[in-house]
Structure formats: structure tokens, C-alpha cells
């Protein structure tokens, strides 16, 4: 078997360089790009899939049904259990798109061009580890007062609620002082350094999505810390922005976890991205919307316009499973322009909240995760997990998280951040689609995508 000629591309190509040539394409290219990544080489879709199967795959990856869903004025824009049929809920943990793709790829005849390894170092599958930093400390006594001020400014809720919030703020502030300065209790919610050390012990990296200081219009579900609040790291209190710089400087990723209303506001999303970049003094490329608030028609367009490259919002708050039926990344679809977007989706599969709420024991939660790890290994995909600080601060959450990392390591998975996964996947598919020796078909992407980026 003869190897493909390696296309010309610069080692320092950015995610923007890989994504820019992929925008403005039709639905055929969306599926071609997806299947090339899965197969490790170019395939003729029409020769292995029926027209009905291609329509179904496009509907799943483009989130067609979600795009046609209308929400009420005060309703959260989150795809959830009550949007699904009972049959869909029952099968939500099956990677249905990947199973069909694997079955159809068996029809592809042997090629004169070798396939490109799916994951680094010959790993069979991958696990992408993420954390949504909704809290930075259990002892940050100013947060409840800040919440109260924002509630008053927004005139949010009845007067009784203000009274309850005042009582809550007093108890929280007093409790924080006692626990931190008198009892000297460990602040388990502020475990960034410990989580990084644990991940590093398995050779893994992860993404920490931080909530921005500039939140724009306030929603009751928004986080209440700022980058200037202080949190402990390795025994020292320091501003959150310094914690973020430590994370980024150590090789982990700092991503954006923008506010509730940013999902429909270009101004707030761009402002919050700049705030995060100013805090860590480097570009932010990955995003997960807070509370998974997401309009599939508008939000990805705003994310791309803000200069973000990767989204990882498409998951569930009340289920674990495969929202788009796949364990592989895919390009976002622009429903306004009916074209591909320069924005990669890395879908979320396991969130700690629904995982732990839906389990009767730690062992059951671990078994659920192992079952989905087995699916990832079987199809050779990437399982994306999310663990929040407030669950990692509990015995159950920390035990499940450690067990998932141990099992992933034992199965020889590649443990990566969102940015690492996106860069590997886009560089690899770039090489596949730009190969000049594939049955004489030539490059299926524009010629500019095979060239080194201009600097």
C-alpha cells in the first residue's frame, strides 16, 4: 500500500487557518468532511450511503429539528428530555450516526492510499476532559452580596426574595470567615491545582471554561464571581485572573463560559471573549455557553463572528448521551446562510449533574461512564465529559471523576483539551482532504486550504 503524499501546510497553522477555507460549503461537504475524519481518507458518500441515510445524517449533525424549535419568551433554549420521544430517550446512549457510518464504511474497497491514524500515537480512542468554572471558591463571601445587588438592579423577583437573599448573604459571609480563618477548613471547590495534578498523573490535559467578568445583562443563573475576586491555588490566595494564567501557562486550556444572554447577543459575547483574553493575555478559541443556553440558528453564528473556533455546548442538562448521535467532531451548519461555518462542534456527552442525579450510587455512575467509554473505544471516537467544581468538591463527584480517568488510562485513551482535540482533528482532516494522490480525484477543498497561511 502506498502512502498519500503529504500536503503542504505550516506547522504553526492556527485553528483559524484550518477553518477559514471550510466555510460557505454545501451540505455535501459537511458530510464529506465528517466522514473523511471518521474514515481517515476520502470516501464517495453516494456510493456507500443511500440518499435517505445522507438526509438523516445531515439532520442529526446540523441539528435540523432543534433549529425548527420555537421557545417561549422566558423559556430556556436548551435541548432536553421533553423534546425527545420515548424511543429517542431510550436510545440516546447509542452513537447512532457512528454505528451507521462504521457499517457503511465496510463497503469501501481497499485503497491505494493508506488511512491516516485517527488519534495520536496510535491510540484507539480519546477522552476530552472539561470543567465549567461556575464557582471558584466556597469561601468567596462577596458573591451573595453581588448577586443581591444585581437582583435589585434588575428588579428580579418579589420583595420576599430580597429578604431571603439578604439572610443568605449574611450566613454565607459569616460562614466563609469562620471556615477559612477559624476552622481553616479546606476549600474543596477551589481545587484547580489538585484537578490538574490528578489529570497530569494520567498524562491528560483538560479545558477550564471560566465565566467572564463582563456579563452584560444579568440573568439569575449567571455566575457571580469576577476575575478580581481571590481564590486559593497551591496554598496561596490570588486573583482569579492569576489562577487562569497559571492554568494556561501550565499547558491546560482556558475557554470561555459566557453568560446566559450572550447566546443571543453579539455585543456581550464579543465583550466577554475580550475580557477572558485580557485576563490570560492570550487568545481564547473554545467556548461552552453557560447553562447550555443555545439557539442553534443564532448562537453558532455569533460565536464564529466573535472569532471563536470551537464550541462544546451541544449536550444535555438532564440526560447523558449523544445529542447528535456521534462521538466525533463536526462542522457547525449555518441555518441562515445554508452553508458550513468556520466553527467546529465538539459535542458534550457526559455532564456530572444528570449523571449523578440519575444514579443511585457511585458504582452505578461509574458503570454508566464506563459503558460510554466502551462505546467510544468501539467506534474509535472521543468521549467528552464535564465535571463542575461543586461536584468535584463532593466525595461522590471526585470518586467518579477519578474512576473515569483511571479507566480511560487503562484503555489507552488519548486525554485532551477541547483545543488540542480541535487542532488534531482539523489538521488531520485538512491533510486527508488535501491529499493529491487519492484515486486521481485531487483535493476536495479549495486549493488555498492546502497552502501555508499568509503571515
Protein backbone atom coordinates (compact mmCIF):
# COMPACT_ATOMS: atom_id res chain seq x y z
CA UNK A 1 0.00 0.00 0.00
CA UNK A 2 1.36 3.39 -0.98
CA UNK A 3 1.12 6.28 1.45
CA UNK A 4 -0.51 9.55 0.43
CA UNK A 5 1.67 12.48 -0.46
CA UNK A 6 1.77 14.83 2.48
CA UNK A 7 0.10 18.18 1.63
CA UNK A 8 1.98 21.38 2.25
CA UNK A 9 0.96 23.08 5.45
CA UNK A 10 2.80 25.05 8.07
CA UNK A 11 3.45 23.51 11.45
CA UNK A 12 2.20 26.67 13.12
CA UNK A 13 -1.14 26.83 11.31
CA UNK A 14 -3.84 28.06 13.68
CA UNK A 15 -7.38 26.82 14.08
CA UNK A 16 -8.48 29.88 12.11
CA UNK A 17 -6.21 28.85 9.23
CA UNK A 18 -7.75 25.39 9.10
CA UNK A 19 -11.35 26.59 9.47
CA UNK A 20 -11.46 29.57 7.11
CA UNK A 21 -11.40 27.52 3.86
CA UNK A 22 -14.17 25.26 5.21
CA UNK A 23 -16.87 27.94 5.46
CA UNK A 24 -19.52 28.61 2.83
CA UNK A 25 -19.78 24.98 1.66
CA UNK A 26 -22.90 22.94 0.96
CA UNK A 27 -24.37 20.09 2.96
CA UNK A 28 -22.47 17.55 0.86
CA UNK A 29 -19.18 18.99 2.04
CA UNK A 30 -20.38 18.97 5.67
CA UNK A 31 -20.91 15.22 5.43
CA UNK A 32 -17.76 14.67 3.37
CA UNK A 33 -15.65 16.46 5.97
CA UNK A 34 -17.25 14.45 8.77
CA UNK A 35 -16.88 11.08 7.05
CA UNK A 36 -13.30 11.78 5.94
CA UNK A 37 -12.38 12.38 9.56
CA UNK A 38 -14.05 9.17 10.67
CA UNK A 39 -12.65 7.04 7.81
CA UNK A 40 -9.16 8.54 7.75
CA UNK A 41 -9.40 9.04 3.98
CA UNK A 42 -11.74 10.46 1.38
CA UNK A 43 -14.78 8.40 0.51
CA UNK A 44 -17.50 8.70 -2.10
CA UNK A 45 -20.60 9.20 0.03
CA UNK A 46 -23.10 8.42 -2.74
CA UNK A 47 -21.50 5.03 -3.32
CA UNK A 48 -21.94 3.79 0.26
CA UNK A 49 -24.92 5.72 1.70
CA UNK A 50 -28.46 5.86 0.37
CA UNK A 51 -29.99 9.34 -0.21
CA UNK A 52 -32.24 8.75 2.80
CA UNK A 53 -29.27 7.91 5.02
CA UNK A 54 -27.42 11.04 3.94
CA UNK A 55 -30.51 13.15 4.70
CA UNK A 56 -30.78 11.56 8.14
CA UNK A 57 -27.08 12.08 8.92
CA UNK A 58 -27.31 15.72 7.87
CA UNK A 59 -30.38 16.25 10.04
CA UNK A 60 -28.55 14.77 13.04
CA UNK A 61 -25.31 16.72 12.66
CA UNK A 62 -26.89 20.02 11.61
CA UNK A 63 -29.47 19.78 14.45
CA UNK A 64 -32.28 20.42 11.98
CA UNK A 65 -35.10 19.66 14.42
CA UNK A 66 -33.60 21.93 17.05
CA UNK A 67 -33.30 24.74 14.52
CA UNK A 68 -37.04 24.47 13.83
CA UNK A 69 -37.97 24.50 17.54
CA UNK A 70 -39.52 27.68 18.91
CA UNK A 71 -39.10 28.65 22.56
CA UNK A 72 -41.28 30.86 24.72
CA UNK A 73 -40.13 34.34 25.76
CA UNK A 74 -38.93 33.18 29.21
CA UNK A 75 -38.15 29.58 28.25
CA UNK A 76 -34.58 28.35 28.36
CA UNK A 77 -33.18 27.45 24.96
CA UNK A 78 -31.78 24.08 25.96
CA UNK A 79 -32.41 20.81 24.14
CA UNK A 80 -33.77 18.45 26.77
CA UNK A 81 -35.58 15.22 27.54
CA UNK A 82 -39.09 16.58 26.93
CA UNK A 83 -38.13 17.43 23.34
CA UNK A 84 -37.47 13.75 22.64
CA UNK A 85 -39.75 10.82 22.04
CA UNK A 86 -39.64 7.89 24.44
CA UNK A 87 -37.81 5.86 21.76
CA UNK A 88 -35.21 8.62 21.36
CA UNK A 89 -34.66 8.82 25.12
CA UNK A 90 -34.24 5.04 25.26
CA UNK A 91 -31.61 5.14 22.51
CA UNK A 92 -29.85 8.37 23.45
CA UNK A 93 -26.76 6.50 24.67
CA UNK A 94 -26.25 4.81 21.31
CA UNK A 95 -23.86 6.61 18.93
CA UNK A 96 -26.35 6.02 16.12
CA UNK A 97 -24.60 8.10 13.45
CA UNK A 98 -21.26 6.45 14.16
CA UNK A 99 -22.77 2.96 14.04
CA UNK A 100 -24.28 3.62 10.62
CA UNK A 101 -21.05 5.19 9.34
CA UNK A 102 -18.94 2.26 10.53
CA UNK A 103 -21.33 -0.21 8.90
CA UNK A 104 -21.29 1.62 5.57
CA UNK A 105 -17.52 2.11 5.55
CA UNK A 106 -17.16 -1.65 5.40
CA UNK A 107 -18.34 -1.29 1.79
CA UNK A 108 -15.37 0.91 0.87
CA UNK A 109 -12.87 -1.09 -1.23
CA UNK A 110 -9.23 -1.24 -0.29
CA UNK A 111 -7.48 1.96 -1.34
CA UNK A 112 -4.05 2.54 -2.80
CA UNK A 113 -3.77 5.32 -0.24
CA UNK A 114 -3.25 4.40 3.40
CA UNK A 115 -5.57 5.81 6.00
CA UNK A 116 -4.32 8.43 8.45
CA UNK A 117 -4.21 7.39 12.11
CA UNK A 118 -7.31 8.62 13.89
CA UNK A 119 -5.64 9.59 17.17
CA UNK A 120 -2.08 10.45 18.26
CA UNK A 121 0.40 7.66 18.99
CA UNK A 122 -1.94 5.03 17.63
CA UNK A 123 -4.48 5.46 20.43
CA UNK A 124 -7.79 3.69 19.75
CA UNK A 125 -9.98 6.47 21.08
CA UNK A 126 -9.90 9.73 23.03
CA UNK A 127 -11.44 11.43 26.05
CA UNK A 128 -11.84 15.20 26.19
CA UNK A 129 -11.96 16.47 29.78
CA UNK A 130 -13.70 19.77 30.59
CA UNK A 131 -14.69 21.86 33.59
CA UNK A 132 -17.27 24.67 33.64
CA UNK A 133 -15.99 27.04 36.33
CA UNK A 134 -19.33 28.15 37.74
CA UNK A 135 -17.67 28.57 41.15
CA UNK A 136 -14.12 29.46 42.11
CA UNK A 137 -14.32 29.16 45.90
CA UNK A 138 -16.68 28.07 48.68
CA UNK A 139 -15.45 30.97 50.80
CA UNK A 140 -15.90 33.94 48.47
CA UNK A 141 -18.18 35.91 50.80
CA UNK A 142 -18.72 38.80 48.40
CA UNK A 143 -20.59 36.71 45.81
CA UNK A 144 -24.00 36.57 47.55
CA UNK A 145 -23.90 40.36 48.07
CA UNK A 146 -23.00 40.87 44.43
CA UNK A 147 -25.92 38.64 43.46
CA UNK A 148 -28.24 40.65 45.68
CA UNK A 149 -27.10 43.92 44.08
CA UNK A 150 -27.65 42.52 40.59
CA UNK A 151 -31.09 41.25 41.54
CA UNK A 152 -32.01 44.70 42.85
CA UNK A 153 -30.65 46.43 39.76
CA UNK A 154 -32.58 44.06 37.50
CA UNK A 155 -35.66 44.23 39.76
CA UNK A 156 -35.68 40.46 39.62
CA UNK A 157 -38.19 38.71 41.89
CA UNK A 158 -40.63 39.69 44.68
CA UNK A 159 -39.61 41.65 47.79
CA UNK A 160 -39.71 38.49 49.90
CA UNK A 161 -36.98 37.06 47.72
CA UNK A 162 -34.72 40.04 48.50
CA UNK A 163 -35.19 39.41 52.22
CA UNK A 164 -34.31 35.76 51.79
CA UNK A 165 -31.24 36.70 49.74
CA UNK A 166 -30.07 39.13 52.45
CA UNK A 167 -30.30 36.35 55.02
CA UNK A 168 -28.45 34.03 52.69
CA UNK A 169 -25.71 36.60 52.10
CA UNK A 170 -25.23 37.18 55.84
CA UNK A 171 -24.98 33.45 56.54
CA UNK A 172 -22.66 32.85 53.61
CA UNK A 173 -20.27 35.67 54.51
CA UNK A 174 -20.11 34.71 58.18
CA UNK A 175 -19.69 31.04 57.30
CA UNK A 176 -16.88 31.82 54.87
CA UNK A 177 -14.96 33.76 57.52
CA UNK A 178 -15.36 31.01 60.11
CA UNK A 179 -14.45 28.14 57.79
CA UNK A 180 -11.47 29.88 56.21
CA UNK A 181 -9.91 31.80 59.14
CA UNK A 182 -11.14 29.99 62.27
CA UNK A 183 -11.65 26.36 61.32
CA UNK A 184 -9.18 26.56 58.41
CA UNK A 185 -11.26 24.04 56.51
CA UNK A 186 -10.01 23.08 53.04
CA UNK A 187 -11.75 24.87 50.18
CA UNK A 188 -12.62 21.84 48.04
CA UNK A 189 -14.47 23.94 45.44
CA UNK A 190 -11.19 25.72 44.69
CA UNK A 191 -9.37 22.57 43.61
CA UNK A 192 -7.99 23.69 40.25
CA UNK A 193 -4.42 22.76 41.15
CA UNK A 194 -5.44 19.36 42.55
CA UNK A 195 -7.55 18.52 39.49
CA UNK A 196 -4.69 19.49 37.19
CA UNK A 197 -2.28 17.31 39.15
CA UNK A 198 -4.70 14.40 39.00
CA UNK A 199 -5.15 14.76 35.24
CA UNK A 200 -1.41 15.13 34.75
CA UNK A 201 -0.78 11.90 36.66
CA UNK A 202 -2.61 10.12 33.83
CA UNK A 203 -0.91 12.16 31.12
CA UNK A 204 -4.12 14.09 30.36
CA UNK A 205 -4.90 17.77 29.81
CA UNK A 206 -8.29 19.49 30.07
CA UNK A 207 -10.20 22.70 29.37
CA UNK A 208 -11.36 25.05 32.12
CA UNK A 209 -14.23 27.24 30.92
CA UNK A 210 -14.26 30.45 33.01
CA UNK A 211 -17.23 32.77 33.38
CA UNK A 212 -16.28 36.33 32.28
CA UNK A 213 -16.28 39.42 34.47
CA UNK A 214 -18.15 41.42 31.83
CA UNK A 215 -21.52 39.75 31.88
CA UNK A 216 -23.75 42.36 30.18
CA UNK A 217 -27.43 41.96 31.06
CA UNK A 218 -27.76 39.80 34.16
CA UNK A 219 -29.71 36.57 34.49
CA UNK A 220 -30.41 34.82 37.79
CA UNK A 221 -28.47 31.74 36.64
CA UNK A 222 -25.29 33.70 35.84
CA UNK A 223 -22.17 33.25 37.95
CA UNK A 224 -21.31 35.96 40.48
CA UNK A 225 -17.53 35.89 40.77
CA UNK A 226 -15.18 38.22 38.89
CA UNK A 227 -11.62 37.86 37.66
CA UNK A 228 -10.55 40.17 40.52
CA UNK A 229 -12.00 38.01 43.29
CA UNK A 230 -9.49 35.86 45.12
CA UNK A 231 -9.28 32.08 45.13
CA UNK A 232 -6.72 29.71 46.65
CA UNK A 233 -4.13 28.00 44.49
CA UNK A 234 -1.39 25.83 46.00
CA UNK A 235 -1.98 27.36 49.42
CA UNK A 236 -1.95 31.00 48.27
CA UNK A 237 -4.84 33.39 47.73
CA UNK A 238 -4.65 35.13 44.37
CA UNK A 239 -6.97 36.86 41.89
CA UNK A 240 -8.96 34.55 39.64
CA UNK A 241 -7.22 36.00 36.59
CA UNK A 242 -3.91 34.82 38.04
CA UNK A 243 -5.36 31.35 38.54
CA UNK A 244 -6.43 31.42 34.88
CA UNK A 245 -2.92 32.42 33.79
CA UNK A 246 -1.49 29.56 35.84
CA UNK A 247 -3.84 27.11 34.09
CA UNK A 248 -2.97 28.40 30.62
CA UNK A 249 0.74 28.64 31.38
CA UNK A 250 0.88 25.01 32.53
CA UNK A 251 -0.44 23.76 29.17
CA UNK A 252 -4.09 23.35 30.06
CA UNK A 253 -6.70 25.34 28.19
CA UNK A 254 -8.73 28.33 29.38
CA UNK A 255 -12.00 28.56 27.49
CA UNK A 256 -14.93 30.98 27.58
CA UNK A 257 -18.10 30.19 29.55
CA UNK A 258 -20.21 33.19 28.53
CA UNK A 259 -23.35 34.46 30.22
CA UNK A 260 -26.94 33.36 29.71
CA UNK A 261 -27.90 36.25 27.45
CA UNK A 262 -24.69 36.11 25.40
CA UNK A 263 -26.23 33.21 23.46
CA UNK A 264 -28.28 35.79 21.55
CA UNK A 265 -26.11 38.92 21.87
CA UNK A 266 -23.11 39.56 19.65
CA UNK A 267 -22.04 42.56 21.73
CA UNK A 268 -21.93 40.69 25.03
CA UNK A 269 -20.32 37.58 23.59
CA UNK A 270 -17.50 39.58 21.99
CA UNK A 271 -17.01 41.69 25.11
CA UNK A 272 -16.80 38.61 27.31
CA UNK A 273 -14.32 36.93 24.99
CA UNK A 274 -12.09 40.03 25.15
CA UNK A 275 -12.32 40.06 28.95
CA UNK A 276 -11.17 36.45 29.13
CA UNK A 277 -8.32 37.10 26.71
CA UNK A 278 -7.20 40.16 28.66
CA UNK A 279 -7.16 38.05 31.82
CA UNK A 280 -4.89 35.32 30.43
CA UNK A 281 -3.07 37.53 27.87
CA UNK A 282 -3.59 35.09 25.02
CA UNK A 283 -6.31 34.18 22.51
CA UNK A 284 -9.35 32.21 23.61
CA UNK A 285 -10.63 29.81 20.92
CA UNK A 286 -13.07 27.48 22.74
CA UNK A 287 -16.50 28.18 24.18
CA UNK A 288 -19.29 26.46 26.07
CA UNK A 289 -22.40 28.53 26.72
CA UNK A 290 -23.40 28.85 30.39
CA UNK A 291 -26.31 26.53 31.35
CA UNK A 292 -26.02 25.21 27.75
CA UNK A 293 -28.25 28.12 26.68
CA UNK A 294 -28.10 27.80 22.89
CA UNK A 295 -30.06 28.90 19.84
CA UNK A 296 -28.87 26.57 17.01
CA UNK A 297 -29.79 29.20 14.41
CA UNK A 298 -28.18 32.24 16.04
CA UNK A 299 -25.64 31.22 18.72
CA UNK A 300 -23.05 29.48 16.48
CA UNK A 301 -23.18 32.42 14.06
CA UNK A 302 -22.39 34.81 16.92
CA UNK A 303 -19.61 32.55 18.17
CA UNK A 304 -17.96 32.47 14.74
CA UNK A 305 -18.34 36.24 14.36
CA UNK A 306 -16.64 36.69 17.73
CA UNK A 307 -13.60 34.80 16.42
CA UNK A 308 -14.21 31.61 18.37
CA UNK A 309 -13.17 28.37 16.66
CA UNK A 310 -14.67 25.56 18.73
CA UNK A 311 -17.96 25.12 20.57
CA UNK A 312 -18.78 22.36 23.05
CA UNK A 313 -22.31 23.31 24.09
CA UNK A 314 -24.33 20.64 22.30
CA UNK A 315 -25.12 18.33 25.19
CA UNK A 316 -27.83 17.83 27.82
CA UNK A 317 -28.59 19.22 31.29
CA UNK A 318 -30.99 16.39 32.14
CA UNK A 319 -29.52 13.40 30.30
CA UNK A 320 -26.22 11.81 29.41
CA UNK A 321 -25.85 10.60 25.87
CA UNK A 322 -25.23 11.51 22.26
CA UNK A 323 -27.29 14.56 21.31
CA UNK A 324 -26.15 14.44 17.68
CA UNK A 325 -25.60 10.68 17.69
CA UNK A 326 -21.84 10.91 17.34
CA UNK A 327 -18.55 10.77 19.24
CA UNK A 328 -16.74 12.73 16.53
CA UNK A 329 -16.33 16.48 15.89
CA UNK A 330 -18.28 18.10 13.06
CA UNK A 331 -18.60 21.49 11.41
CA UNK A 332 -21.48 23.72 12.52
CA UNK A 333 -24.19 24.44 9.98
CA UNK A 334 -25.38 28.00 9.33
CA UNK A 335 -29.17 27.80 9.02
CA UNK A 336 -29.36 31.45 7.97
CA UNK A 337 -26.99 31.06 5.02
CA UNK A 338 -27.45 27.31 4.46
CA UNK A 339 -23.70 26.75 4.42
CA UNK A 340 -20.95 25.38 6.61
CA UNK A 341 -19.42 27.64 9.23
CA UNK A 342 -15.79 28.13 10.33
CA UNK A 343 -16.72 26.70 13.73
CA UNK A 344 -16.08 23.13 14.87
CA UNK A 345 -18.50 21.41 17.22
CA UNK A 346 -17.14 19.04 19.85
CA UNK A 347 -20.37 17.72 21.38
CA UNK A 348 -20.74 17.14 25.11
CA UNK A 349 -21.72 13.61 26.17
CA UNK A 350 -21.49 13.29 29.97
CA UNK A 351 -22.28 16.10 32.39
CA UNK A 352 -21.80 15.41 36.09
CA UNK A 353 -25.19 16.81 37.18
CA UNK A 354 -27.51 14.49 35.25
CA UNK A 355 -25.02 11.64 35.68
CA UNK A 356 -25.07 11.81 39.48
CA UNK A 357 -28.76 12.69 39.76
CA UNK A 358 -29.67 9.72 37.57
CA UNK A 359 -27.58 7.24 39.55
CA UNK A 360 -28.46 5.55 42.81
CA UNK A 361 -24.82 5.01 43.79
CA UNK A 362 -21.25 5.92 42.93
CA UNK A 363 -20.76 2.47 41.39
CA UNK A 364 -23.78 2.97 39.11
CA UNK A 365 -22.48 6.37 37.96
CA UNK A 366 -19.07 4.87 37.21
CA UNK A 367 -20.69 1.99 35.32
CA UNK A 368 -22.66 4.45 33.18
CA UNK A 369 -19.44 6.28 32.29
CA UNK A 370 -17.58 3.06 31.56
CA UNK A 371 -20.39 1.98 29.24
CA UNK A 372 -19.99 5.16 27.21
CA UNK A 373 -16.21 4.79 27.27
CA UNK A 374 -16.72 1.36 25.75
CA UNK A 375 -18.85 2.94 23.00
CA UNK A 376 -16.08 5.45 22.33
CA UNK A 377 -13.50 2.67 22.14
CA UNK A 378 -15.75 0.53 19.93
CA UNK A 379 -16.29 3.23 17.29
CA UNK A 380 -12.91 4.89 17.85
CA UNK A 381 -14.41 8.24 18.84
CA UNK A 382 -13.86 10.85 21.54
CA UNK A 383 -15.96 10.94 24.70
CA UNK A 384 -16.42 14.48 26.07
CA UNK A 385 -17.03 14.80 29.81
CA UNK A 386 -17.85 17.77 32.05
CA UNK A 387 -17.22 17.96 35.80
CA UNK A 388 -18.03 21.17 37.71
CA UNK A 389 -16.16 22.41 40.80
CA UNK A 390 -19.20 21.93 43.04
CA UNK A 391 -19.44 18.23 42.14
CA UNK A 392 -15.69 17.67 42.29
CA UNK A 393 -15.89 19.11 45.82
CA UNK A 394 -18.05 16.13 46.87
CA UNK A 395 -16.88 12.62 47.66
CA UNK A 396 -19.19 11.14 45.02
CA UNK A 397 -18.21 13.54 42.25
CA UNK A 398 -14.49 13.27 42.89
CA UNK A 399 -14.64 9.46 43.09
CA UNK A 400 -16.48 9.17 39.77
CA UNK A 401 -14.14 11.65 38.07
CA UNK A 402 -11.03 9.81 39.23
CA UNK A 403 -12.51 6.45 38.22
CA UNK A 404 -13.28 7.74 34.70
CA UNK A 405 -9.71 8.99 34.28
CA UNK A 406 -8.30 5.70 35.58
CA UNK A 407 -10.47 3.65 33.22
CA UNK A 408 -9.58 5.89 30.28
CA UNK A 409 -5.89 5.48 31.01
CA UNK A 410 -6.24 1.72 31.40
CA UNK A 411 -7.88 1.58 27.96
CA UNK A 412 -5.04 3.67 26.48
CA UNK A 413 -7.22 6.66 25.56
CA UNK A 414 -5.75 9.99 24.49
CA UNK A 415 -6.75 12.53 27.17
CA UNK A 416 -7.01 16.01 25.70
CA UNK A 417 -8.44 19.51 25.99
CA UNK A 418 -11.02 20.93 23.60
CA UNK A 419 -8.35 22.97 21.82
CA UNK A 420 -6.00 20.00 21.48
CA UNK A 421 -8.78 17.86 20.07
CA UNK A 422 -9.87 20.53 17.59
CA UNK A 423 -6.34 21.18 16.36
CA UNK A 424 -5.60 17.47 15.90
CA UNK A 425 -8.89 16.79 14.12
CA UNK A 426 -8.76 19.80 11.79
CA UNK A 427 -5.10 19.27 10.90
CA UNK A 428 -5.81 15.62 10.16
CA UNK A 429 -8.90 16.23 8.01
CA UNK A 430 -7.01 19.02 6.24
CA UNK A 431 -4.35 16.50 5.29
CA UNK A 432 -6.94 13.92 4.19
CA UNK A 433 -8.99 16.28 2.02
CA UNK A 434 -5.94 17.97 0.53
CA UNK A 435 -4.21 14.78 -0.47
CA UNK A 436 -3.17 14.98 -4.12
CA UNK A 437 -2.94 11.20 -4.57
CA UNK A 438 -6.34 9.69 -3.93
CA UNK A 439 -7.54 7.82 -6.99
CA UNK A 440 -6.78 10.86 -9.12
CA UNK A 441 -9.61 12.88 -7.57
CA UNK A 442 -7.44 15.72 -6.36
CA UNK A 443 -8.14 17.99 -3.46
CA UNK A 444 -11.78 18.35 -2.44
CA UNK A 445 -11.10 21.53 -0.50
CA UNK A 446 -10.15 24.82 -2.12
CA UNK A 447 -6.53 24.92 -3.20
CA UNK A 448 -5.88 27.70 -0.69
CA UNK A 449 -6.60 25.31 2.16
CA UNK A 450 -3.60 23.21 1.13
CA UNK A 451 -1.21 26.13 1.23
CA UNK A 452 0.67 27.64 4.09
CA UNK A 453 -1.21 30.52 5.70
CA UNK A 454 -0.12 34.00 4.88
CA UNK A 455 1.53 35.86 7.73
